[in-house]
C-alpha cells in the first residue's frame, strides 16, 4: 500500500500583486511516504516524518516568497513619512 502527504493551497493576494509562473496563486504538492521494507511500524513513522518535513520546508519556502512579494508591493503603496521635525519647530510657542 502506498501512502503520501498531499498539500494544496490557494492564495488571494492583493490585486496589486500579479501571479506569475514563479508565484502561482494555486499549487498542489504530493510527497510520497516510502518506508523501508523491513522497518515495520517504526520505519513507516520515520518515513512519514521525513515526508512531512519535506512538505513543511517546500511549502514554507513558497509561502515565505509570497509574503516577501506582497510585503514589497505594500511598502511601495504607502506614502513615505517625512518632515516630521519641521512640524515640531512650527508648533513651538514663545513664553513671556
N, C-alpha and C. Protein backbone atom coordinates (compact mmCIF):
# COMPACT_ATOMS: atom_id res chain seq x y z
N UNK A 1 0.83 -1.17 0.00
CA UNK A 1 0.00 0.00 0.00
C UNK A 1 0.89 1.25 0.00
N UNK A 2 0.57 2.21 -0.84
CA UNK A 2 1.34 3.44 -0.97
C UNK A 2 0.66 4.57 -0.20
N UNK A 3 1.45 5.33 0.52
CA UNK A 3 0.93 6.47 1.26
C UNK A 3 1.61 7.73 0.76
N UNK A 4 0.91 8.85 0.95
CA UNK A 4 1.51 10.12 0.57
C UNK A 4 0.88 11.25 1.38
N UNK A 5 1.60 12.37 1.41
CA UNK A 5 1.12 13.59 2.04
C UNK A 5 0.79 14.54 0.91
N UNK A 6 -0.46 15.01 0.87
CA UNK A 6 -0.89 15.93 -0.19
C UNK A 6 -1.21 17.29 0.42
N UNK A 7 -0.70 18.34 -0.22
CA UNK A 7 -0.96 19.71 0.23
C UNK A 7 -1.37 20.53 -0.97
N UNK A 8 -2.49 21.22 -0.85
CA UNK A 8 -2.95 22.14 -1.89
C UNK A 8 -3.29 23.46 -1.21
N UNK A 9 -2.83 24.56 -1.80
CA UNK A 9 -3.19 25.86 -1.25
C UNK A 9 -3.60 26.80 -2.37
N UNK A 10 -4.47 27.73 -2.01
CA UNK A 10 -4.93 28.79 -2.91
C UNK A 10 -4.76 30.10 -2.17
N UNK A 11 -4.05 31.03 -2.79
CA UNK A 11 -3.79 32.33 -2.17
C UNK A 11 -4.63 33.40 -2.84
N UNK A 12 -5.00 34.40 -2.08
CA UNK A 12 -5.74 35.55 -2.59
C UNK A 12 -4.97 36.82 -2.25
N UNK A 13 -3.86 37.07 -2.99
CA UNK A 13 -3.07 38.26 -2.68
C UNK A 13 -3.79 39.53 -3.12
N UNK A 14 -3.31 40.69 -2.68
CA UNK A 14 -3.91 41.95 -3.12
C UNK A 14 -3.85 42.05 -4.66
N UNK A 15 -4.76 42.81 -5.23
CA UNK A 15 -4.81 42.92 -6.69
C UNK A 15 -3.57 43.57 -7.28
N UNK A 16 -2.80 44.27 -6.46
CA UNK A 16 -1.58 44.91 -6.95
C UNK A 16 -0.45 43.91 -7.17
N UNK A 17 -0.59 42.69 -6.64
CA UNK A 17 0.44 41.66 -6.80
C UNK A 17 -0.05 40.65 -7.83
N UNK A 18 0.72 40.54 -8.92
CA UNK A 18 0.32 39.65 -10.00
C UNK A 18 0.89 38.25 -9.81
N UNK A 19 0.13 37.27 -10.27
CA UNK A 19 0.57 35.89 -10.25
C UNK A 19 1.47 35.65 -11.46
N UNK A 20 2.56 34.92 -11.26
CA UNK A 20 3.47 34.58 -12.35
C UNK A 20 3.76 33.09 -12.28
N UNK A 21 4.57 32.61 -13.20
CA UNK A 21 4.96 31.20 -13.16
C UNK A 21 5.74 30.90 -11.88
N UNK A 22 6.52 31.88 -11.43
CA UNK A 22 7.29 31.72 -10.20
C UNK A 22 6.41 31.84 -8.96
N UNK A 23 5.33 32.61 -9.07
CA UNK A 23 4.41 32.83 -7.95
C UNK A 23 2.98 32.48 -8.35
N UNK A 24 2.67 31.17 -8.47
CA UNK A 24 1.29 30.80 -8.80
C UNK A 24 0.38 31.00 -7.59
N UNK A 25 -0.86 31.37 -7.85
CA UNK A 25 -1.81 31.59 -6.75
C UNK A 25 -2.32 30.27 -6.18
N UNK A 26 -2.27 29.22 -6.98
CA UNK A 26 -2.73 27.91 -6.51
C UNK A 26 -1.66 26.88 -6.86
N UNK A 27 -1.39 25.99 -5.91
CA UNK A 27 -0.37 24.98 -6.14
C UNK A 27 -0.69 23.74 -5.31
N UNK A 28 -0.32 22.59 -5.84
CA UNK A 28 -0.51 21.32 -5.14
C UNK A 28 0.82 20.58 -5.09
N UNK A 29 1.01 19.86 -4.01
CA UNK A 29 2.21 19.05 -3.82
C UNK A 29 1.77 17.67 -3.34
N UNK A 30 2.56 16.67 -3.68
CA UNK A 30 2.35 15.34 -3.14
C UNK A 30 3.71 14.77 -2.77
N UNK A 31 3.85 14.34 -1.54
CA UNK A 31 5.10 13.80 -1.03
C UNK A 31 4.85 12.34 -0.65
N UNK A 32 5.51 11.44 -1.34
CA UNK A 32 5.32 10.01 -1.12
C UNK A 32 6.01 9.56 0.16
N UNK A 33 5.32 8.73 0.89
CA UNK A 33 5.88 8.13 2.10
C UNK A 33 6.35 6.73 1.70
N UNK A 34 7.67 6.54 1.71
CA UNK A 34 8.23 5.25 1.30
C UNK A 34 9.05 4.65 2.44
N UNK A 35 8.39 3.85 3.28
CA UNK A 35 9.11 3.22 4.39
C UNK A 35 10.01 2.09 3.88
N UNK A 36 11.04 1.78 4.65
CA UNK A 36 11.89 0.65 4.28
C UNK A 36 11.09 -0.64 4.41
N UNK A 37 11.42 -1.62 3.63
CA UNK A 37 10.64 -2.86 3.59
C UNK A 37 10.66 -3.64 4.90
N UNK A 38 11.71 -3.53 5.68
CA UNK A 38 11.78 -4.29 6.93
C UNK A 38 11.69 -3.40 8.17
N UNK A 39 11.23 -2.17 8.01
CA UNK A 39 11.18 -1.22 9.12
C UNK A 39 9.98 -1.36 10.02
N UNK A 40 8.95 -2.04 9.56
CA UNK A 40 7.74 -2.19 10.37
C UNK A 40 7.09 -0.84 10.64
N UNK A 41 6.39 -0.76 11.76
CA UNK A 41 5.68 0.46 12.13
C UNK A 41 6.63 1.62 12.37
N UNK A 42 7.76 1.34 13.04
CA UNK A 42 8.74 2.40 13.31
C UNK A 42 9.28 2.97 11.99
N UNK A 43 9.53 2.12 11.02
CA UNK A 43 10.04 2.56 9.72
C UNK A 43 9.01 3.40 8.98
N UNK A 44 7.74 3.02 9.10
CA UNK A 44 6.68 3.79 8.45
C UNK A 44 6.60 5.20 9.04
N UNK A 45 6.63 5.29 10.38
CA UNK A 45 6.53 6.61 11.01
C UNK A 45 7.78 7.45 10.76
N UNK A 46 8.92 6.83 10.63
CA UNK A 46 10.14 7.57 10.30
C UNK A 46 10.02 8.14 8.88
N UNK A 47 9.50 7.33 7.95
CA UNK A 47 9.30 7.79 6.58
C UNK A 47 8.24 8.89 6.53
N UNK A 48 7.19 8.77 7.36
CA UNK A 48 6.15 9.80 7.43
C UNK A 48 6.73 11.12 7.94
N UNK A 49 7.54 11.05 8.98
CA UNK A 49 8.18 12.28 9.50
C UNK A 49 9.05 12.93 8.43
N UNK A 50 9.78 12.12 7.69
CA UNK A 50 10.64 12.65 6.63
C UNK A 50 9.81 13.35 5.55
N UNK A 51 8.71 12.73 5.13
CA UNK A 51 7.84 13.33 4.11
C UNK A 51 7.20 14.61 4.61
N UNK A 52 6.76 14.61 5.86
CA UNK A 52 6.17 15.82 6.44
C UNK A 52 7.19 16.95 6.54
N UNK A 53 8.42 16.60 6.86
CA UNK A 53 9.47 17.61 6.94
C UNK A 53 9.75 18.22 5.56
N UNK A 54 9.80 17.39 4.53
CA UNK A 54 9.99 17.89 3.16
C UNK A 54 8.82 18.79 2.76
N UNK A 55 7.62 18.38 3.09
CA UNK A 55 6.43 19.18 2.75
C UNK A 55 6.47 20.52 3.47
N UNK A 56 6.78 20.51 4.75
CA UNK A 56 6.85 21.74 5.54
C UNK A 56 7.88 22.70 4.96
N UNK A 57 9.05 22.18 4.61
CA UNK A 57 10.11 23.03 4.08
C UNK A 57 9.76 23.62 2.72
N UNK A 58 9.25 22.80 1.82
CA UNK A 58 8.94 23.29 0.47
C UNK A 58 7.79 24.29 0.46
N UNK A 59 6.70 23.96 1.13
CA UNK A 59 5.56 24.87 1.19
C UNK A 59 5.92 26.13 1.97
N UNK A 60 6.68 25.97 3.03
CA UNK A 60 7.12 27.12 3.81
C UNK A 60 7.96 28.08 2.98
N UNK A 61 8.87 27.55 2.17
CA UNK A 61 9.69 28.40 1.30
C UNK A 61 8.83 29.15 0.28
N UNK A 62 7.85 28.46 -0.29
CA UNK A 62 6.97 29.11 -1.27
C UNK A 62 6.14 30.22 -0.63
N UNK A 63 5.58 29.94 0.53
CA UNK A 63 4.75 30.95 1.20
C UNK A 63 5.58 32.12 1.70
N UNK A 64 6.82 31.87 2.09
CA UNK A 64 7.70 32.96 2.50
C UNK A 64 8.01 33.86 1.31
N UNK A 65 8.24 33.27 0.14
CA UNK A 65 8.48 34.07 -1.07
C UNK A 65 7.26 34.93 -1.40
N UNK A 66 6.06 34.37 -1.26
CA UNK A 66 4.84 35.15 -1.47
C UNK A 66 4.73 36.29 -0.46
N UNK A 67 5.00 35.98 0.81
CA UNK A 67 4.93 37.02 1.84
C UNK A 67 5.88 38.18 1.50
N UNK A 68 7.09 37.85 1.07
CA UNK A 68 8.05 38.89 0.70
C UNK A 68 7.56 39.70 -0.49
N UNK A 69 6.99 39.03 -1.48
CA UNK A 69 6.48 39.69 -2.68
C UNK A 69 5.34 40.66 -2.32
N UNK A 70 4.42 40.21 -1.51
CA UNK A 70 3.29 41.05 -1.11
C UNK A 70 3.78 42.20 -0.22
N UNK A 71 4.74 41.92 0.65
CA UNK A 71 5.29 42.95 1.52
C UNK A 71 5.94 44.07 0.74
N UNK A 72 6.68 43.73 -0.32
CA UNK A 72 7.31 44.75 -1.16
C UNK A 72 6.26 45.60 -1.85
N UNK A 73 5.21 44.98 -2.33
CA UNK A 73 4.13 45.72 -3.00
C UNK A 73 3.43 46.65 -2.03
N UNK A 74 3.22 46.20 -0.80
CA UNK A 74 2.55 47.03 0.21
C UNK A 74 3.44 48.21 0.62
N UNK A 75 4.75 48.00 0.71
CA UNK A 75 5.65 49.09 1.07
C UNK A 75 5.65 50.19 0.02
N UNK A 76 5.59 49.79 -1.25
CA UNK A 76 5.57 50.77 -2.33
C UNK A 76 4.26 51.53 -2.38
N UNK A 77 3.22 50.97 -1.80
CA UNK A 77 1.88 51.56 -1.85
C UNK A 77 1.71 52.67 -0.80
N UNK A 78 2.35 52.55 0.35
CA UNK A 78 2.17 53.51 1.44
C UNK A 78 3.00 54.76 1.19
N UNK A 79 2.44 55.94 1.50
CA UNK A 79 3.21 57.18 1.34
C UNK A 79 4.33 57.24 2.36
N UNK A 80 5.42 57.83 1.95
CA UNK A 80 6.58 57.94 2.84
C UNK A 80 6.36 59.05 3.85
N UNK A 81 6.76 58.80 5.07
CA UNK A 81 6.66 59.82 6.11
C UNK A 81 7.94 60.65 6.05
N UNK A 82 7.78 61.97 6.12
CA UNK A 82 8.97 62.81 6.09
C UNK A 82 8.65 64.17 6.65
N UNK A 83 9.68 64.88 7.05
CA UNK A 83 9.50 66.24 7.52
C UNK A 83 8.86 66.34 8.88
N UNK A 84 8.92 65.32 9.68
CA UNK A 84 8.31 65.35 11.00
C UNK A 84 8.96 66.36 11.92
N UNK A 85 10.26 66.57 11.78
CA UNK A 85 10.97 67.51 12.66
C UNK A 85 10.58 68.95 12.35
N UNK A 86 10.32 69.27 11.10
CA UNK A 86 9.95 70.63 10.72
C UNK A 86 8.62 71.04 11.36
N UNK A 87 7.69 70.12 11.44
CA UNK A 87 6.39 70.42 12.03
C UNK A 87 6.54 70.77 13.50
N UNK A 88 7.44 70.09 14.21
CA UNK A 88 7.64 70.36 15.63
C UNK A 88 8.17 71.78 15.85
N UNK A 89 9.02 72.24 14.95
CA UNK A 89 9.58 73.58 15.09
C UNK A 89 8.50 74.65 14.92
N UNK A 90 7.57 74.42 14.02
CA UNK A 90 6.49 75.39 13.77
C UNK A 90 5.54 75.49 14.96
N UNK A 91 5.41 74.44 15.72
CA UNK A 91 4.46 74.43 16.81
C UNK A 91 4.99 75.03 18.10
N UNK A 92 6.28 75.39 18.14
CA UNK A 92 6.83 75.97 19.36
C UNK A 92 6.22 77.34 19.61
N UNK A 93 5.90 77.61 20.86
CA UNK A 93 5.29 78.89 21.25
C UNK A 93 6.25 79.59 22.21
N UNK A 94 6.45 80.87 21.99
CA UNK A 94 7.32 81.64 22.89
C UNK A 94 6.57 81.96 24.17
N UNK A 95 7.24 81.77 25.29
CA UNK A 95 6.64 82.12 26.58
C UNK A 95 7.21 83.43 27.06
N UNK A 96 6.37 84.33 27.54
CA UNK A 96 6.85 85.64 28.01
C UNK A 96 6.80 85.74 29.50
